[in-house]
Structures are given as structure tokens and as C-alpha cells.
Amino acid sequence: MELRQLEYFLMVSDLTSFTRAAERLYVSQPAVTNAVRSLEEELGIQLFDRSQRKVALTTEGKIFYRHIQNIMQGISTTLNEINDLKSHNRGHIVIGVTPLAGIASTSSLMAEFRAAYPNINISLVENNVKELLELLHADKLDFAFVFDLPEQEQARLSCLLLPQEELMVCCSRRHRLCRMNSVTLTSLTEEAFILMETNCLFRQILVKHFEDADSMPPVSMEVSQVQLLRALVAADAGLSILPECLITSDTELSAVPLAPPVYLHPVLAYKAEKLLSHAAQAFEETARKGVRRA
């Protein structure tokens, strides 16, 4: 049974004529007649009563027509949806982000993609880097925005290096450090710090920088949300270190550069061997273009 046979059968049924069906389909009448006859032989039933001037469906033909019409409508809908996906008129991608999702490179890429493909839906999943990588390997994410990807993961994943983000001391506008042109990590030894919770890779990166400088300050508070961390710093409850864009976007905070500078290296990670959907391919290409411009 071929789709062509079913298409010819439906057209003859609707027009009650083999001749008119052939004209509408832009094929010869024998082609339509032979296709329908072959279909009847395959089914072992007679679909049309040909004894009258206008052909009419038999009882069996009416049953067959009802079901085949639904099937063909389903096929047409499926093909239209597939074409929409191919032309990016619809689609869905799932992206993992860390609590630092608002960094400049991530935000600009997401905004650029939404402007170019407004009909593609994006779901964001927020978690720490370890959990995001597990979700990525389990095919529950299409992409994950992470940073300073562990070496063992670099061999397993495809990675696009995004523009680096400078890290700065974050303090309230009432704090004495806000008037400094720059500070060193060693000068912060006696300051009370507010950091992300211990399982956050960003915190682990900061701790490593402090340990390398032999100047780990006391941690007065641990939080799980960047928004809360910024609010506490703005209230002068302590200091922190964040990407510059997360500080300067808040009028109640001051950003003090570190000397020497310290940088965060964002990465867009995805599975190398996974077949990307058309929507995911569009996102990856948008990211690549952004990297080439940077």
C-alpha cells in the first residue's frame, strides 16, 4: 500500500470520477484507475461501485475512506510540523544554567537567539555545574552554560569558549573599599565574605584563587541564590566576588577591580555525538557566530 494509491483513492472519492480525479492530480486516467484497482486487489475488497455514471463508494469503501482520510490528515499535519521545525518556525530547546546565568556573554547570546528565532521555545534549568553536566550526559539538556569546565569533561563534550568575564570585589556603596581603584586578594584576608554554597563550582574557583594567594578570608554567610547574595552585600552584610556585569547592573553595589585581574571563563557545552535538532543547530550556530565576533 502506497501513499500515492491512497491519495488517488481519496481524490476519486471526493470527485466521484476517475477522469476528474486524474485532471486534478495532473496524471493520466489509466494511472488513477490502475492505482485504485491495485489497492482493491491488495485489500481484497471493492472500494467503488462503477456501475453508474458517477462512481460511488461501496459500504467497505466508506469505512476505508473514513479511516484513510484521518490518516492522510495526520500525515499532512506531521509533514507541516516537520517543515516548520526545519524552517525554525517552531521548536524547543532545553538549556542548563548555573546560578550565575546572568553573566554578560550568556545573556547577550540568549537575547540574540530570541531576536533571530522568536518562535523557538526555550526552557531554562538552573542547577550547579555538576548536576548540569549529569543532565547533559543523560540527554535531558541540549546545552549547558558552565565555566572552567573540568578537564575530564572537555574530552567528552563539545565546548564553545565564550568571552571571558572579569571578576571584581562586590561591596556596598557605603563600604570603605568602594573608593579604592583596585584591591589584591591578600588585602581581603580580614574581610567577612558572603559566598555561594560549597557545592557551587564558582565558589570552589574563588577559594582556589584565595588559596593560591595564601589569603583565604572568613566566610560569614553561604547562600544559594545570586540575587540574595547581592542584596546582602548591598545591605553591607559582607563582601563578595562576582562577574563585573552582575555588580554594575545594581545601582546599590560597587565593583572594585582585583589586581592582578581574575577572570571567569564561560563555556557552552553540549554532547559531541548527539544529533542536534534543527532548533538546537540554530542555537549552536548563533553561539559560534558570537564567538567569531568576539
Foldseek 3Di string as FASTA:
>chain_A
DDPVLLQLLLLCAVVLDLCVSCVVVVHDSVVSVVSPVVVCVVVVHDQWDPPDPGIHGDPVNVVVNVVSVVVVVVVVVVVVVLVCQLVLQEEEFEEEEELQCPDDQNVVLVVVLCVVRVRYYYHYDYDAPVVRVVCQVVVVHAKYKDWPDDPVVPVFWDKDWTDKFWKFKKAFPPDPCLPPQAEALQVCLAWEEEEEDPVHVVVVVVVVVSVVVVRDHHHPYYHHHPVVRNVCRLVVVTMYMDGPVVAVVDPRMGTHAYVVIDIIIIMMIHGPPDDDGSSSVSSVVSSVVNSVVD
